[in-house]
Amino acid sequence: MALLITHHPSRIAEFPHIRRVRDGRFPHEVVSILPGEYFVSQEPMIIQTVLGSCVSVCVRDPLLSIGGMNHFMLPVPCEGGVNSWGESARYGCHAMELLVNEILRRGGGRDRLEVKVFGGGKIYDSSLDVGARNAVWVLEYLERERLKPIVADLRDVYPRKVYYFTESGRVLLKRIKRVKNRTIEERERRYHASLQQRRADGEVALF
């Protein structure tokens, strides 16, 4: 079934770079986020992403039905400023702050937040298990912030495809146990390499 790319002026103003589509399988508009991105909506939306060693955290205020998701590969950066698009948002420590603060800015209550967390798989052979490090970090972070996840599907050896319904908090999770090609692995290797290069060059926030 063909997907129809749609544009909504108010949403574009808030998240101008996020791709939005209409998918006949779902009742609401679908947005896809990549590593280093996050998205929050007060309107019924479905946020979709594919995770290998990366982690996504879904956060929602069930009273107001404000929900969002982030997608990050590394827990913390070297020292540097915070910006919303593609720089600090790629790191878990800032991706979590951006996501939670955006929900609170829209009227969400911190004591009501419902949290679900996914990803952290070991999808390629390496001496450094990035997924395991992400999984440990995100659980420790949530414990420190007193944000206990009601669902945590982390680690193992397979990628995951996640659909998150912001209105209800429903999650559709597919564990991709048979990968036809190495697209996910190669994308994450390139992304990880780019992060390491940016660390070497120093953090520069453009605005």
N, C-alpha and C. Protein backbone atom coordinates (compact mmCIF):
# COMPACT_ATOMS: atom_id res chain seq x y z
N MET A 1 0.85 -1.20 0.00
CA MET A 1 0.00 0.00 0.00
C MET A 1 0.88 1.24 0.00
N ALA A 2 0.59 2.18 -0.87
CA ALA A 2 1.38 3.40 -0.98
C ALA A 2 1.20 4.29 0.24
N LEU A 3 2.27 4.94 0.64
CA LEU A 3 2.22 5.88 1.75
C LEU A 3 2.11 7.29 1.20
N LEU A 4 1.29 8.08 1.83
CA LEU A 4 1.07 9.46 1.41
C LEU A 4 1.77 10.38 2.39
N ILE A 5 2.73 11.14 1.90
CA ILE A 5 3.42 12.11 2.76
C ILE A 5 2.52 13.31 2.95
N THR A 6 2.32 13.71 4.22
CA THR A 6 1.42 14.82 4.52
C THR A 6 2.17 15.94 5.23
N HIS A 7 1.57 17.11 5.22
CA HIS A 7 2.18 18.28 5.86
C HIS A 7 1.12 19.03 6.66
N HIS A 8 1.42 19.30 7.90
CA HIS A 8 0.52 20.05 8.77
C HIS A 8 1.30 21.25 9.28
N PRO A 9 0.88 22.49 8.97
CA PRO A 9 1.68 23.67 9.27
C PRO A 9 2.14 23.78 10.72
N SER A 10 1.24 23.52 11.70
CA SER A 10 1.62 23.70 13.10
C SER A 10 2.66 22.68 13.52
N ARG A 11 2.53 21.44 13.03
CA ARG A 11 3.49 20.41 13.40
C ARG A 11 4.84 20.66 12.74
N ILE A 12 4.80 21.14 11.49
CA ILE A 12 6.05 21.43 10.79
C ILE A 12 6.83 22.50 11.54
N ALA A 13 6.13 23.49 12.09
CA ALA A 13 6.79 24.56 12.82
C ALA A 13 7.52 24.03 14.04
N GLU A 14 6.95 23.00 14.70
CA GLU A 14 7.54 22.48 15.92
C GLU A 14 8.64 21.45 15.64
N PHE A 15 8.43 20.59 14.67
CA PHE A 15 9.38 19.54 14.32
C PHE A 15 9.56 19.55 12.79
N PRO A 16 10.27 20.54 12.28
CA PRO A 16 10.27 20.78 10.82
C PRO A 16 10.93 19.68 10.00
N HIS A 17 11.82 18.91 10.59
CA HIS A 17 12.58 17.94 9.80
C HIS A 17 12.04 16.52 9.89
N ILE A 18 11.01 16.29 10.69
CA ILE A 18 10.50 14.94 10.90
C ILE A 18 9.58 14.54 9.75
N ARG A 19 9.79 13.37 9.20
CA ARG A 19 8.99 12.87 8.08
C ARG A 19 7.66 12.34 8.59
N ARG A 20 6.57 12.73 7.90
CA ARG A 20 5.22 12.31 8.28
C ARG A 20 4.56 11.63 7.11
N VAL A 21 3.84 10.55 7.37
CA VAL A 21 3.16 9.83 6.29
C VAL A 21 1.78 9.39 6.76
N ARG A 22 0.93 9.07 5.80
CA ARG A 22 -0.34 8.41 6.06
C ARG A 22 -0.19 6.94 5.65
N ASP A 23 -0.52 6.05 6.55
CA ASP A 23 -0.42 4.62 6.31
C ASP A 23 -1.81 4.03 6.53
N GLY A 24 -2.37 3.40 5.51
CA GLY A 24 -3.73 2.88 5.60
C GLY A 24 -3.95 1.84 6.68
N ARG A 25 -2.88 1.30 7.23
CA ARG A 25 -3.02 0.31 8.31
C ARG A 25 -3.35 0.95 9.65
N PHE A 26 -3.12 2.26 9.75
CA PHE A 26 -3.24 2.94 11.04
C PHE A 26 -4.24 4.10 10.95
N PRO A 27 -4.88 4.41 12.09
CA PRO A 27 -5.89 5.48 12.07
C PRO A 27 -5.32 6.89 12.12
N HIS A 28 -4.05 7.03 12.51
CA HIS A 28 -3.47 8.35 12.69
C HIS A 28 -2.23 8.52 11.81
N GLU A 29 -1.79 9.75 11.70
CA GLU A 29 -0.58 10.06 10.96
C GLU A 29 0.62 9.38 11.64
N VAL A 30 1.56 8.91 10.82
CA VAL A 30 2.76 8.23 11.32
C VAL A 30 3.98 9.11 11.09
N VAL A 31 4.79 9.28 12.13
CA VAL A 31 6.06 9.99 11.99
C VAL A 31 7.19 9.01 12.25
N SER A 32 8.27 9.15 11.51
CA SER A 32 9.43 8.27 11.67
C SER A 32 10.59 9.08 12.22
N ILE A 33 11.22 8.58 13.29
CA ILE A 33 12.37 9.27 13.84
C ILE A 33 13.62 8.41 13.69
N LEU A 34 14.74 9.09 13.52
CA LEU A 34 16.05 8.47 13.33
C LEU A 34 16.92 8.75 14.54
N PRO A 35 18.10 8.12 14.62
CA PRO A 35 19.02 8.41 15.73
C PRO A 35 19.28 9.91 15.84
N GLY A 36 19.24 10.41 17.07
CA GLY A 36 19.46 11.82 17.31
C GLY A 36 18.22 12.67 17.22
N GLU A 37 17.05 12.04 17.06
CA GLU A 37 15.80 12.78 16.94
C GLU A 37 14.83 12.42 18.06
N TYR A 38 13.82 13.30 18.25
CA TYR A 38 12.71 13.01 19.16
C TYR A 38 11.48 13.72 18.62
N PHE A 39 10.32 13.30 19.14
CA PHE A 39 9.07 13.88 18.67
C PHE A 39 8.06 13.80 19.79
N VAL A 40 7.25 14.86 19.93
CA VAL A 40 6.20 14.92 20.95
C VAL A 40 4.93 15.45 20.29
N SER A 41 3.78 14.91 20.69
CA SER A 41 2.51 15.39 20.13
C SER A 41 1.41 15.38 21.18
N GLN A 42 0.58 16.42 21.10
CA GLN A 42 -0.65 16.47 21.89
C GLN A 42 -1.82 15.90 21.12
N GLU A 43 -1.66 15.76 19.82
CA GLU A 43 -2.69 15.16 18.97
C GLU A 43 -2.39 13.69 18.79
N PRO A 44 -3.40 12.86 18.53
CA PRO A 44 -3.15 11.43 18.31
C PRO A 44 -2.21 11.22 17.13
N MET A 45 -1.08 10.60 17.40
CA MET A 45 -0.07 10.33 16.38
C MET A 45 0.52 8.96 16.66
N ILE A 46 1.25 8.43 15.68
CA ILE A 46 2.00 7.20 15.85
C ILE A 46 3.45 7.50 15.51
N ILE A 47 4.35 7.21 16.46
CA ILE A 47 5.78 7.46 16.25
C ILE A 47 6.44 6.11 15.98
N GLN A 48 7.20 6.05 14.91
CA GLN A 48 7.81 4.79 14.50
C GLN A 48 9.32 4.94 14.41
N THR A 49 10.05 3.89 14.82
CA THR A 49 11.50 3.88 14.63
C THR A 49 11.99 2.45 14.57
N VAL A 50 13.23 2.27 14.12
CA VAL A 50 13.88 0.96 14.08
C VAL A 50 15.14 1.05 14.92
N LEU A 51 15.31 0.12 15.84
CA LEU A 51 16.40 0.14 16.80
C LEU A 51 17.30 -1.07 16.65
N GLY A 52 18.61 -0.82 16.67
CA GLY A 52 19.57 -1.89 16.78
C GLY A 52 20.19 -1.80 18.17
N SER A 53 21.37 -1.21 18.26
CA SER A 53 21.99 -0.98 19.57
C SER A 53 21.49 0.30 20.22
N CYS A 54 20.79 1.13 19.44
CA CYS A 54 20.22 2.36 19.99
C CYS A 54 19.07 2.05 20.95
N VAL A 55 18.67 3.06 21.70
CA VAL A 55 17.56 2.96 22.64
C VAL A 55 16.55 4.05 22.34
N SER A 56 15.28 3.71 22.46
CA SER A 56 14.19 4.69 22.41
C SER A 56 13.40 4.62 23.71
N VAL A 57 13.09 5.79 24.24
CA VAL A 57 12.24 5.89 25.42
C VAL A 57 10.94 6.58 25.01
N CYS A 58 9.82 5.97 25.37
CA CYS A 58 8.49 6.52 25.10
C CYS A 58 7.95 7.08 26.41
N VAL A 59 7.54 8.32 26.42
CA VAL A 59 7.05 8.99 27.63
C VAL A 59 5.70 9.62 27.32
N ARG A 60 4.78 9.49 28.28
CA ARG A 60 3.41 9.98 28.03
C ARG A 60 2.76 10.41 29.34
N ASP A 61 1.99 11.50 29.26
CA ASP A 61 1.09 11.88 30.33
C ASP A 61 -0.27 11.29 29.99
N PRO A 62 -0.72 10.24 30.69
CA PRO A 62 -1.97 9.58 30.30
C PRO A 62 -3.21 10.42 30.54
N LEU A 63 -3.13 11.41 31.44
CA LEU A 63 -4.28 12.25 31.70
C LEU A 63 -4.56 13.18 30.52
N LEU A 64 -3.49 13.77 29.98
CA LEU A 64 -3.63 14.73 28.88
C LEU A 64 -3.36 14.11 27.51
N SER A 65 -2.93 12.85 27.49
CA SER A 65 -2.62 12.14 26.24
C SER A 65 -1.55 12.86 25.43
N ILE A 66 -0.55 13.40 26.12
CA ILE A 66 0.62 13.99 25.46
C ILE A 66 1.71 12.94 25.49
N GLY A 67 2.23 12.57 24.34
CA GLY A 67 3.23 11.52 24.32
C GLY A 67 4.34 11.80 23.33
N GLY A 68 5.48 11.16 23.57
CA GLY A 68 6.61 11.34 22.66
C GLY A 68 7.62 10.22 22.77
N MET A 69 8.59 10.24 21.87
CA MET A 69 9.64 9.22 21.81
C MET A 69 10.95 9.88 21.39
N ASN A 70 12.06 9.36 21.92
CA ASN A 70 13.38 9.77 21.43
C ASN A 70 14.11 8.55 20.88
N HIS A 71 15.31 8.78 20.32
CA HIS A 71 16.11 7.70 19.74
C HIS A 71 17.57 8.14 19.86
N PHE A 72 18.35 7.42 20.70
CA PHE A 72 19.74 7.82 20.89
C PHE A 72 20.66 6.61 20.87
N MET A 73 21.95 6.87 20.54
CA MET A 73 22.92 5.79 20.45
C MET A 73 23.90 5.77 21.61
N LEU A 74 24.35 6.94 22.06
CA LEU A 74 25.34 7.00 23.13
C LEU A 74 24.74 7.69 24.35
N PRO A 75 25.14 7.28 25.57
CA PRO A 75 24.56 7.87 26.77
C PRO A 75 24.91 9.34 26.98
N VAL A 76 26.22 9.68 26.92
CA VAL A 76 26.62 11.04 27.27
C VAL A 76 27.68 11.54 26.29
N PRO A 77 27.71 12.85 26.03
CA PRO A 77 28.72 13.43 25.15
C PRO A 77 29.90 13.95 25.94
N CYS A 78 30.89 14.47 25.23
CA CYS A 78 31.89 15.28 25.90
C CYS A 78 31.23 16.60 26.25
N GLU A 79 31.94 17.49 26.91
CA GLU A 79 31.33 18.74 27.33
C GLU A 79 30.88 19.55 26.13
N GLY A 80 29.74 20.18 26.27
CA GLY A 80 29.23 21.00 25.17
C GLY A 80 27.84 21.46 25.48
N GLY A 81 27.32 22.36 24.67
CA GLY A 81 25.98 22.90 24.87
C GLY A 81 24.91 21.94 24.39
N VAL A 82 23.69 22.32 24.63
CA VAL A 82 22.54 21.52 24.24
C VAL A 82 21.81 22.22 23.12
N ASN A 83 21.52 21.46 22.05
CA ASN A 83 20.61 22.00 21.06
C ASN A 83 19.66 20.91 20.62
N SER A 84 18.52 21.29 20.08
CA SER A 84 17.43 20.35 19.90
C SER A 84 17.56 19.44 18.70
N TRP A 85 18.35 19.80 17.72
CA TRP A 85 18.30 19.05 16.46
C TRP A 85 19.67 18.51 16.09
N GLY A 86 19.87 17.21 16.30
CA GLY A 86 20.99 16.51 15.72
C GLY A 86 22.32 16.66 16.42
N GLU A 87 22.47 17.59 17.34
CA GLU A 87 23.73 17.71 18.06
C GLU A 87 23.61 16.96 19.39
N SER A 88 23.23 17.67 20.46
CA SER A 88 23.16 17.01 21.76
C SER A 88 22.02 16.01 21.85
N ALA A 89 20.97 16.16 21.03
CA ALA A 89 19.83 15.24 21.09
C ALA A 89 20.21 13.81 20.76
N ARG A 90 21.38 13.62 20.17
CA ARG A 90 21.79 12.26 19.83
C ARG A 90 22.29 11.49 21.05
N TYR A 91 22.54 12.19 22.16
CA TYR A 91 23.01 11.55 23.38
C TYR A 91 21.87 11.38 24.38
N GLY A 92 21.88 10.23 25.07
CA GLY A 92 20.78 9.91 25.96
C GLY A 92 20.51 10.94 27.03
N CYS A 93 21.57 11.48 27.64
CA CYS A 93 21.37 12.42 28.74
C CYS A 93 20.58 13.64 28.29
N HIS A 94 20.84 14.14 27.10
CA HIS A 94 20.11 15.30 26.60
C HIS A 94 18.81 14.90 25.92
N ALA A 95 18.81 13.75 25.24
CA ALA A 95 17.58 13.29 24.58
C ALA A 95 16.46 13.09 25.60
N MET A 96 16.81 12.62 26.79
CA MET A 96 15.80 12.44 27.83
C MET A 96 15.30 13.78 28.35
N GLU A 97 16.20 14.72 28.56
CA GLU A 97 15.79 16.04 29.03
C GLU A 97 14.89 16.73 28.01
N LEU A 98 15.28 16.65 26.75
CA LEU A 98 14.48 17.29 25.70
C LEU A 98 13.08 16.70 25.64
N LEU A 99 12.99 15.37 25.70
CA LEU A 99 11.69 14.71 25.60
C LEU A 99 10.80 15.03 26.80
N VAL A 100 11.33 14.84 28.00
CA VAL A 100 10.52 15.06 29.20
C VAL A 100 10.14 16.54 29.32
N ASN A 101 11.09 17.43 29.09
CA ASN A 101 10.80 18.86 29.24
C ASN A 101 9.76 19.34 28.23
N GLU A 102 9.77 18.77 27.02
CA GLU A 102 8.77 19.16 26.02
C GLU A 102 7.38 18.74 26.45
N ILE A 103 7.26 17.57 27.06
CA ILE A 103 5.96 17.11 27.56
C ILE A 103 5.50 18.00 28.73
N LEU A 104 6.42 18.33 29.62
CA LEU A 104 6.07 19.21 30.74
C LEU A 104 5.70 20.61 30.25
N ARG A 105 6.41 21.09 29.22
CA ARG A 105 6.10 22.41 28.66
C ARG A 105 4.68 22.49 28.14
N ARG A 106 4.17 21.38 27.66
CA ARG A 106 2.82 21.34 27.10
C ARG A 106 1.76 21.07 28.17
N GLY A 107 2.16 21.04 29.44
CA GLY A 107 1.20 20.89 30.52
C GLY A 107 1.22 19.54 31.20
N GLY A 108 2.10 18.63 30.77
CA GLY A 108 2.19 17.31 31.38
C GLY A 108 2.64 17.39 32.83
N GLY A 109 2.22 16.43 33.63
CA GLY A 109 2.61 16.37 35.03
C GLY A 109 3.69 15.32 35.25
N ARG A 110 4.81 15.71 35.84
CA ARG A 110 5.93 14.78 36.01
C ARG A 110 5.53 13.56 36.82
N ASP A 111 4.69 13.76 37.82
CA ASP A 111 4.29 12.63 38.68
C ASP A 111 3.34 11.67 37.96
N ARG A 112 2.85 12.04 36.78
CA ARG A 112 1.94 11.18 36.04
C ARG A 112 2.63 10.43 34.89
N LEU A 113 3.88 10.74 34.62
CA LEU A 113 4.52 10.25 33.40
C LEU A 113 4.60 8.73 33.36
N GLU A 114 4.22 8.19 32.21
CA GLU A 114 4.25 6.76 31.94
C GLU A 114 5.40 6.50 30.97
N VAL A 115 6.29 5.57 31.33
CA VAL A 115 7.53 5.38 30.58
C VAL A 115 7.65 3.95 30.06
N LYS A 116 8.06 3.83 28.79
CA LYS A 116 8.36 2.53 28.19
C LYS A 116 9.69 2.68 27.45
N VAL A 117 10.52 1.63 27.49
CA VAL A 117 11.86 1.74 26.93
C VAL A 117 12.19 0.48 26.12
N PHE A 118 12.87 0.70 24.98
CA PHE A 118 13.13 -0.39 24.04
C PHE A 118 14.52 -0.25 23.42
N GLY A 119 15.07 -1.37 22.96
CA GLY A 119 16.30 -1.35 22.19
C GLY A 119 17.50 -1.91 22.92
N GLY A 120 18.68 -1.43 22.54
CA GLY A 120 19.92 -1.88 23.18
C GLY A 120 20.37 -3.26 22.76
N GLY A 121 20.03 -3.68 21.54
CA GLY A 121 20.43 -5.01 21.08
C GLY A 121 21.90 -5.07 20.68
N LYS A 122 22.45 -6.26 20.71
CA LYS A 122 23.82 -6.48 20.22
C LYS A 122 23.69 -7.06 18.81
N ILE A 123 23.66 -6.19 17.82
CA ILE A 123 23.31 -6.63 16.47
C ILE A 123 24.52 -6.87 15.58
N TYR A 124 25.71 -6.56 16.09
CA TYR A 124 26.91 -6.89 15.31
C TYR A 124 28.05 -7.21 16.26
N ASP A 125 29.01 -8.00 15.74
CA ASP A 125 30.14 -8.43 16.54
C ASP A 125 31.08 -7.25 16.78
N SER A 126 31.37 -7.04 18.05
CA SER A 126 32.28 -5.96 18.42
C SER A 126 32.74 -6.18 19.85
N SER A 127 33.94 -5.73 20.15
CA SER A 127 34.42 -5.84 21.53
C SER A 127 33.67 -4.89 22.45
N LEU A 128 33.09 -3.84 21.87
CA LEU A 128 32.32 -2.88 22.65
C LEU A 128 30.83 -3.13 22.40
N ASP A 129 30.11 -3.53 23.44
CA ASP A 129 28.68 -3.78 23.33
C ASP A 129 27.93 -2.47 23.61
N VAL A 130 27.73 -1.69 22.55
CA VAL A 130 27.08 -0.39 22.68
C VAL A 130 25.67 -0.55 23.22
N GLY A 131 24.95 -1.57 22.73
CA GLY A 131 23.57 -1.77 23.17
C GLY A 131 23.46 -2.03 24.66
N ALA A 132 24.34 -2.88 25.18
CA ALA A 132 24.31 -3.19 26.61
C ALA A 132 24.60 -1.95 27.44
N ARG A 133 25.56 -1.15 26.97
CA ARG A 133 25.90 0.08 27.69
C ARG A 133 24.71 1.04 27.70
N ASN A 134 24.03 1.15 26.57
CA ASN A 134 22.84 2.00 26.51
C ASN A 134 21.74 1.50 27.44
N ALA A 135 21.54 0.18 27.46
CA ALA A 135 20.48 -0.40 28.29
C ALA A 135 20.75 -0.14 29.77
N VAL A 136 21.98 -0.35 30.19
CA VAL A 136 22.34 -0.11 31.60
C VAL A 136 22.17 1.35 31.94
N TRP A 137 22.66 2.23 31.05
CA TRP A 137 22.59 3.66 31.34
C TRP A 137 21.16 4.14 31.46
N VAL A 138 20.29 3.74 30.51
CA VAL A 138 18.93 4.29 30.53
C VAL A 138 18.16 3.82 31.75
N LEU A 139 18.37 2.59 32.20
CA LEU A 139 17.67 2.12 33.40
C LEU A 139 18.18 2.86 34.65
N GLU A 140 19.48 3.11 34.71
CA GLU A 140 20.03 3.87 35.84
C GLU A 140 19.52 5.31 35.82
N TYR A 141 19.45 5.89 34.64
CA TYR A 141 18.94 7.26 34.52
C TYR A 141 17.49 7.34 35.00
N LEU A 142 16.66 6.43 34.54
CA LEU A 142 15.25 6.45 34.92
C LEU A 142 15.09 6.24 36.42
N GLU A 143 15.93 5.39 36.99
CA GLU A 143 15.86 5.19 38.45
C GLU A 143 16.24 6.46 39.19
N ARG A 144 17.30 7.13 38.74
CA ARG A 144 17.71 8.38 39.39
C ARG A 144 16.63 9.44 39.32
N GLU A 145 15.93 9.47 38.18
CA GLU A 145 14.91 10.48 37.96
C GLU A 145 13.53 10.05 38.48
N ARG A 146 13.49 8.88 39.10
CA ARG A 146 12.24 8.34 39.65
C ARG A 146 11.16 8.21 38.58
N LEU A 147 11.59 7.72 37.42
CA LEU A 147 10.68 7.47 36.31
C LEU A 147 10.73 5.97 36.02
N LYS A 148 9.97 5.22 36.77
CA LYS A 148 10.01 3.77 36.66
C LYS A 148 9.30 3.31 35.38
N PRO A 149 10.01 2.58 34.50
CA PRO A 149 9.36 2.11 33.28
C PRO A 149 8.34 1.01 33.55
N ILE A 150 7.19 1.10 32.91
CA ILE A 150 6.19 0.03 33.05
C ILE A 150 6.44 -1.08 32.04
N VAL A 151 7.23 -0.77 31.01
CA VAL A 151 7.66 -1.78 30.04
C VAL A 151 9.12 -1.50 29.72
N ALA A 152 9.95 -2.55 29.72
CA ALA A 152 11.36 -2.42 29.33
C ALA A 152 11.74 -3.65 28.51
N ASP A 153 11.91 -3.47 27.23
CA ASP A 153 12.31 -4.55 26.33
C ASP A 153 13.69 -4.19 25.78
N LEU A 154 14.74 -4.71 26.43
CA LEU A 154 16.10 -4.26 26.16
C LEU A 154 17.04 -5.44 25.91
N ARG A 155 18.14 -5.13 25.24
CA ARG A 155 19.26 -6.04 24.99
C ARG A 155 18.86 -7.19 24.06
N ASP A 156 19.41 -8.35 24.21
CA ASP A 156 19.29 -9.48 23.30
C ASP A 156 20.10 -9.20 22.03
N VAL A 157 19.83 -9.93 20.93
CA VAL A 157 20.72 -9.88 19.77
C VAL A 157 20.00 -9.47 18.48
N TYR A 158 18.80 -8.91 18.60
CA TYR A 158 18.05 -8.59 17.39
C TYR A 158 17.62 -7.12 17.37
N PRO A 159 17.44 -6.58 16.16
CA PRO A 159 16.85 -5.24 16.04
C PRO A 159 15.36 -5.28 16.39
N ARG A 160 14.81 -4.10 16.61
CA ARG A 160 13.39 -3.96 16.93
C ARG A 160 12.77 -2.84 16.09
N LYS A 161 11.55 -3.07 15.67
CA LYS A 161 10.76 -2.01 15.04
C LYS A 161 9.64 -1.65 16.00
N VAL A 162 9.52 -0.37 16.31
CA VAL A 162 8.58 0.07 17.35
C VAL A 162 7.60 1.09 16.75
N TYR A 163 6.33 0.89 17.04
CA TYR A 163 5.28 1.87 16.75
C TYR A 163 4.67 2.29 18.09
N TYR A 164 4.67 3.57 18.37
CA TYR A 164 4.16 4.09 19.64
C TYR A 164 2.98 5.01 19.38
N PHE A 165 1.83 4.70 20.00
CA PHE A 165 0.61 5.48 19.84
C PHE A 165 0.56 6.51 20.97
N THR A 166 0.70 7.78 20.63
CA THR A 166 0.82 8.81 21.67
C THR A 166 -0.45 8.98 22.49
N GLU A 167 -1.61 8.75 21.89
CA GLU A 167 -2.88 8.97 22.59
C GLU A 167 -3.13 7.91 23.66
N SER A 168 -2.84 6.65 23.35
CA SER A 168 -3.18 5.55 24.26
C SER A 168 -1.97 4.95 24.98
N GLY A 169 -0.77 5.20 24.46
CA GLY A 169 0.42 4.56 25.02
C GLY A 169 0.64 3.15 24.49
N ARG A 170 -0.20 2.73 23.57
CA ARG A 170 -0.06 1.40 22.99
C ARG A 170 1.25 1.30 22.21
N VAL A 171 1.86 0.11 22.24
CA VAL A 171 3.09 -0.13 21.50
C VAL A 171 2.93 -1.38 20.64
N LEU A 172 3.31 -1.26 19.38
CA LEU A 172 3.46 -2.43 18.52
C LEU A 172 4.96 -2.66 18.36
N LEU A 173 5.43 -3.83 18.77
CA LEU A 173 6.86 -4.13 18.76
C LEU A 173 7.12 -5.37 17.92
N LYS A 174 8.01 -5.22 16.95
CA LYS A 174 8.40 -6.36 16.13
C LYS A 174 9.89 -6.63 16.34
N ARG A 175 10.23 -7.82 16.80
CA ARG A 175 11.62 -8.23 16.93
C ARG A 175 12.06 -8.81 15.59
N ILE A 176 13.03 -8.17 14.98
CA ILE A 176 13.44 -8.55 13.63
C ILE A 176 14.50 -9.63 13.75
N LYS A 177 14.06 -10.89 13.80
CA LYS A 177 14.98 -11.99 14.04
C LYS A 177 15.64 -12.49 12.77
N ARG A 178 15.06 -12.16 11.63
CA ARG A 178 15.67 -12.50 10.36
C ARG A 178 15.84 -11.22 9.55
N VAL A 179 17.07 -10.78 9.46
CA VAL A 179 17.38 -9.55 8.74
C VAL A 179 17.89 -9.92 7.36
N LYS A 180 17.20 -9.45 6.31
CA LYS A 180 17.54 -9.83 4.95
C LYS A 180 18.83 -9.16 4.48
N ASN A 181 19.14 -8.01 5.04
CA ASN A 181 20.39 -7.34 4.65
C ASN A 181 20.99 -6.68 5.89
N ARG A 182 22.07 -5.96 5.71
CA ARG A 182 22.80 -5.38 6.85
C ARG A 182 22.54 -3.88 6.95
N THR A 183 21.37 -3.44 6.47
CA THR A 183 21.07 -2.00 6.45
C THR A 183 21.13 -1.39 7.84
N ILE A 184 20.47 -2.03 8.83
CA ILE A 184 20.43 -1.48 10.19
C ILE A 184 21.83 -1.43 10.78
N GLU A 185 22.57 -2.54 10.64
CA GLU A 185 23.93 -2.59 11.18
C GLU A 185 24.82 -1.52 10.53
N GLU A 186 24.76 -1.42 9.21
CA GLU A 186 25.62 -0.46 8.52
C GLU A 186 25.24 0.98 8.86
N ARG A 187 23.94 1.25 9.01
CA ARG A 187 23.51 2.60 9.38
C ARG A 187 24.05 2.96 10.76
N GLU A 188 23.96 2.03 11.71
CA GLU A 188 24.43 2.33 13.05
C GLU A 188 25.95 2.44 13.10
N ARG A 189 26.66 1.65 12.33
CA ARG A 189 28.12 1.77 12.29
C ARG A 189 28.53 3.14 11.76
N ARG A 190 27.86 3.58 10.69
CA ARG A 190 28.17 4.91 10.14
C ARG A 190 27.85 6.01 11.13
N TYR A 191 26.70 5.87 11.79
CA TYR A 191 26.27 6.89 12.75
C TYR A 191 27.23 6.94 13.93
N HIS A 192 27.62 5.75 14.43
CA HIS A 192 28.54 5.70 15.56
C HIS A 192 29.88 6.31 15.17
N ALA A 193 30.36 6.01 13.97
CA ALA A 193 31.62 6.58 13.51
C ALA A 193 31.54 8.09 13.42
N SER A 194 30.39 8.62 12.97
CA SER A 194 30.25 10.07 12.86
C SER A 194 30.25 10.72 14.23
N LEU A 195 29.67 10.04 15.23
CA LEU A 195 29.69 10.59 16.59
C LEU A 195 31.11 10.63 17.13
N GLN A 196 31.87 9.57 16.88
CA GLN A 196 33.24 9.54 17.36
C GLN A 196 34.07 10.62 16.69
N GLN A 197 33.83 10.88 15.40
CA GLN A 197 34.56 11.93 14.70
C GLN A 197 34.20 13.29 15.24
N ARG A 198 32.92 13.51 15.55
CA ARG A 198 32.50 14.79 16.09
C ARG A 198 33.08 15.00 17.47
N ARG A 199 33.21 13.92 18.25
CA ARG A 199 33.86 14.05 19.56
C ARG A 199 35.31 14.49 19.38
N ALA A 200 35.97 13.90 18.37
CA ALA A 200 37.37 14.25 18.14
C ALA A 200 37.51 15.70 17.69
N ASP A 201 36.54 16.15 16.88
CA ASP A 201 36.60 17.52 16.36
C ASP A 201 36.12 18.55 17.36
N GLY A 202 35.33 18.11 18.38
CA GLY A 202 34.74 19.02 19.33
C GLY A 202 33.30 19.33 18.99
N GLU A 203 32.49 19.58 19.99
CA GLU A 203 31.07 19.86 19.81
C GLU A 203 30.90 21.31 19.32
N VAL A 204 30.16 21.47 18.23
CA VAL A 204 29.84 22.79 17.72
C VAL A 204 28.34 22.84 17.50
N ALA A 205 27.66 23.74 18.18
CA ALA A 205 26.21 23.90 18.03
C ALA A 205 25.94 25.10 17.13
N LEU A 206 25.29 24.87 16.02
CA LEU A 206 24.93 25.95 15.09
C LEU A 206 23.50 26.38 15.32
N PHE A 207 23.24 27.68 15.35
CA PHE A 207 21.87 28.16 15.54
C PHE A 207 21.70 29.53 14.90
